[in-house]
Amino acid sequence: MARAHPKSMAAPLLLLLLLCSATSAAPTPLPTPPGPLTQLRAAAAGYLGQAGSAAGDLLERLSLPSAQEKIRNAYKTGAAAVVTYTGILTDQLYHWWQGEE
């Protein structure tokens, strides 16, 4: 009985493996067209992006030290107030859930 050489069997085995793996692939679904809500969301995001970049450009052109100082102070004051009131609200919620002991 004649024996097949291992190198001569490699090509048919690779071809068989290739054919078997190609048939098990699932077909790719066709992309669905975007709905009106998706289009509206994309348009709104585009407009907000444009408005944000326009505001950033305006702030870059307004390089007045006094205006920047006022904005910085307003931010610090507002941030401090938010932290204070968030702490008060957190404390109130904690005591509401835990009750008086």
C-alpha atoms as a PDB file:
ATOM      1  CA  MET A   1       0.000   0.000   0.000  1.00  0.00           C
ATOM      2  CA  ALA A   2       1.382   3.377  -1.044  1.00  0.00           C
ATOM      3  CA  ARG A   3       1.551   6.083   1.543  1.00  0.00           C
ATOM      4  CA  ALA A   4       0.838   9.730   0.707  1.00  0.00           C
ATOM      5  CA  HIS A   5       3.539  12.220   1.400  1.00  0.00           C
ATOM      6  CA  PRO A   6       2.579  14.693   4.208  1.00  0.00           C
ATOM      7  CA  LYS A   7       3.388  17.709   2.025  1.00  0.00           C
ATOM      8  CA  SER A   8       1.101  16.468  -0.752  1.00  0.00           C
ATOM      9  CA  MET A   9      -1.791  16.151   1.730  1.00  0.00           C
ATOM     10  CA  ALA A  10      -1.344  19.667   3.153  1.00  0.00           C
ATOM     11  CA  ALA A  11      -2.740  21.517   0.121  1.00  0.00           C
ATOM     12  CA  PRO A  12      -6.027  19.539  -0.104  1.00  0.00           C
ATOM     13  CA  LEU A  13      -6.524  19.789   3.669  1.00  0.00           C
ATOM     14  CA  LEU A  14      -5.998  23.552   3.616  1.00  0.00           C
ATOM     15  CA  LEU A  15      -8.414  23.858   0.684  1.00  0.00           C
ATOM     16  CA  LEU A  16     -11.018  21.789   2.555  1.00  0.00           C
ATOM     17  CA  LEU A  17     -10.565  23.920   5.679  1.00  0.00           C
ATOM     18  CA  LEU A  18     -10.952  27.085   3.627  1.00  0.00           C
ATOM     19  CA  LEU A  19     -14.147  25.834   1.970  1.00  0.00           C
ATOM     20  CA  CYS A  20     -15.678  24.720   5.262  1.00  0.00           C
ATOM     21  CA  SER A  21     -14.935  27.978   7.018  1.00  0.00           C
ATOM     22  CA  ALA A  22     -16.341  30.063   4.150  1.00  0.00           C
ATOM     23  CA  THR A  23     -19.704  28.279   4.245  1.00  0.00           C
ATOM     24  CA  SER A  24     -20.206  28.842   7.976  1.00  0.00           C
ATOM     25  CA  ALA A  25     -19.937  32.631   7.743  1.00  0.00           C
ATOM     26  CA  ALA A  26     -23.190  34.464   8.433  1.00  0.00           C
ATOM     27  CA  PRO A  27     -24.377  36.970   5.838  1.00  0.00           C
ATOM     28  CA  THR A  28     -23.907  40.583   6.846  1.00  0.00           C
ATOM     29  CA  PRO A  29     -27.199  42.426   7.353  1.00  0.00           C
ATOM     30  CA  LEU A  30     -27.915  45.469   5.252  1.00  0.00           C
ATOM     31  CA  PRO A  31     -27.738  48.743   7.158  1.00  0.00           C
ATOM     32  CA  THR A  32     -31.115  50.239   7.918  1.00  0.00           C
ATOM     33  CA  PRO A  33     -31.685  53.838   6.899  1.00  0.00           C
ATOM     34  CA  PRO A  34     -31.645  56.268   9.823  1.00  0.00           C
ATOM     35  CA  GLY A  35     -35.025  57.228  11.180  1.00  0.00           C
ATOM     36  CA  PRO A  36     -36.274  60.773  11.615  1.00  0.00           C
ATOM     37  CA  LEU A  37     -35.373  60.803  15.313  1.00  0.00           C
ATOM     38  CA  THR A  38     -31.794  59.816  14.515  1.00  0.00           C
ATOM     39  CA  GLN A  39     -31.582  62.502  11.841  1.00  0.00           C
ATOM     40  CA  LEU A  40     -33.001  65.099  14.239  1.00  0.00           C
ATOM     41  CA  ARG A  41     -30.528  64.078  16.937  1.00  0.00           C
ATOM     42  CA  ALA A  42     -27.618  64.323  14.488  1.00  0.00           C
ATOM     43  CA  ALA A  43     -28.768  67.754  13.293  1.00  0.00           C
ATOM     44  CA  ALA A  44     -29.132  69.006  16.872  1.00  0.00           C
ATOM     45  CA  ALA A  45     -25.672  67.709  17.756  1.00  0.00           C
ATOM     46  CA  GLY A  46     -24.249  69.480  14.709  1.00  0.00           C
ATOM     47  CA  TYR A  47     -25.906  72.765  15.633  1.00  0.00           C
ATOM     48  CA  LEU A  48     -24.729  72.488  19.241  1.00  0.00           C
ATOM     49  CA  GLY A  49     -21.211  71.754  18.069  1.00  0.00           C
ATOM     50  CA  GLN A  50     -21.250  74.801  15.831  1.00  0.00           C
ATOM     51  CA  ALA A  51     -22.605  76.981  18.638  1.00  0.00           C
ATOM     52  CA  GLY A  52     -19.956  75.670  21.032  1.00  0.00           C
ATOM     53  CA  SER A  53     -17.146  76.347  18.606  1.00  0.00           C
ATOM     54  CA  ALA A  54     -18.522  79.827  17.885  1.00  0.00           C
ATOM     55  CA  ALA A  55     -18.651  80.565  21.624  1.00  0.00           C
ATOM     56  CA  GLY A  56     -15.108  79.285  22.039  1.00  0.00           C
ATOM     57  CA  ASP A  57     -13.922  81.498  19.180  1.00  0.00           C
ATOM     58  CA  LEU A  58     -15.673  84.485  20.740  1.00  0.00           C
ATOM     59  CA  LEU A  59     -14.021  83.830  24.104  1.00  0.00           C
ATOM     60  CA  GLU A  60     -10.640  83.549  22.426  1.00  0.00           C
ATOM     61  CA  ARG A  61     -11.163  86.929  20.767  1.00  0.00           C
ATOM     62  CA  LEU A  62     -12.265  88.449  24.074  1.00  0.00           C
ATOM     63  CA  SER A  63      -8.904  88.396  25.736  1.00  0.00           C
ATOM     64  CA  LEU A  64      -9.753  91.162  28.157  1.00  0.00           C
ATOM     65  CA  PRO A  65      -8.173  90.492  31.531  1.00  0.00           C
ATOM     66  CA  SER A  66     -11.018  92.165  33.410  1.00  0.00           C
ATOM     67  CA  ALA A  67     -13.667  90.037  31.638  1.00  0.00           C
ATOM     68  CA  GLN A  68     -11.681  86.862  32.256  1.00  0.00           C
ATOM     69  CA  GLU A  69     -11.266  87.787  35.916  1.00  0.00           C
ATOM     70  CA  LYS A  70     -15.013  88.370  36.290  1.00  0.00           C
ATOM     71  CA  ILE A  71     -15.781  85.032  34.619  1.00  0.00           C
ATOM     72  CA  ARG A  72     -13.236  83.263  36.841  1.00  0.00           C
ATOM     73  CA  ASN A  73     -14.687  84.827  39.995  1.00  0.00           C
ATOM     74  CA  ALA A  74     -18.262  83.987  38.960  1.00  0.00           C
ATOM     75  CA  TYR A  75     -17.216  80.384  38.336  1.00  0.00           C
ATOM     76  CA  LYS A  76     -15.489  80.078  41.706  1.00  0.00           C
ATOM     77  CA  THR A  77     -18.463  81.596  43.536  1.00  0.00           C
ATOM     78  CA  GLY A  78     -20.943  79.393  41.690  1.00  0.00           C
ATOM     79  CA  ALA A  79     -18.878  76.258  42.223  1.00  0.00           C
ATOM     80  CA  ALA A  80     -18.577  76.979  45.940  1.00  0.00           C
ATOM     81  CA  ALA A  81     -22.352  77.479  46.202  1.00  0.00           C
ATOM     82  CA  VAL A  82     -23.036  74.231  44.352  1.00  0.00           C
ATOM     83  CA  VAL A  83     -20.688  72.306  46.643  1.00  0.00           C
ATOM     84  CA  THR A  84     -22.294  73.843  49.735  1.00  0.00           C
ATOM     85  CA  TYR A  85     -25.871  73.141  48.672  1.00  0.00           C
ATOM     86  CA  THR A  86     -24.986  69.643  47.460  1.00  0.00           C
ATOM     87  CA  GLY A  87     -23.556  68.900  50.905  1.00  0.00           C
ATOM     88  CA  ILE A  88     -26.704  70.219  52.596  1.00  0.00           C
ATOM     89  CA  LEU A  89     -28.937  68.161  50.296  1.00  0.00           C
ATOM     90  CA  THR A  90     -26.844  65.036  50.872  1.00  0.00           C
ATOM     91  CA  ASP A  91     -27.057  65.538  54.636  1.00  0.00           C
ATOM     92  CA  GLN A  92     -30.829  66.025  54.470  1.00  0.00           C
ATOM     93  CA  LEU A  93     -31.300  62.870  52.382  1.00  0.00           C
ATOM     94  CA  TYR A  94     -29.104  60.870  54.732  1.00  0.00           C
ATOM     95  CA  HIS A  95     -31.122  61.920  57.777  1.00  0.00           C
ATOM     96  CA  TRP A  96     -34.400  61.372  55.932  1.00  0.00           C
ATOM     97  CA  TRP A  97     -33.430  57.778  55.035  1.00  0.00           C
ATOM     98  CA  GLN A  98     -31.799  56.952  58.373  1.00  0.00           C
ATOM     99  CA  GLY A  99     -34.381  58.666  60.547  1.00  0.00           C
ATOM    100  CA  GLU A 100     -33.872  60.017  64.029  1.00  0.00           C
ATOM    101  CA  GLU A 101     -32.059  57.632  66.361  1.00  0.00           C
END
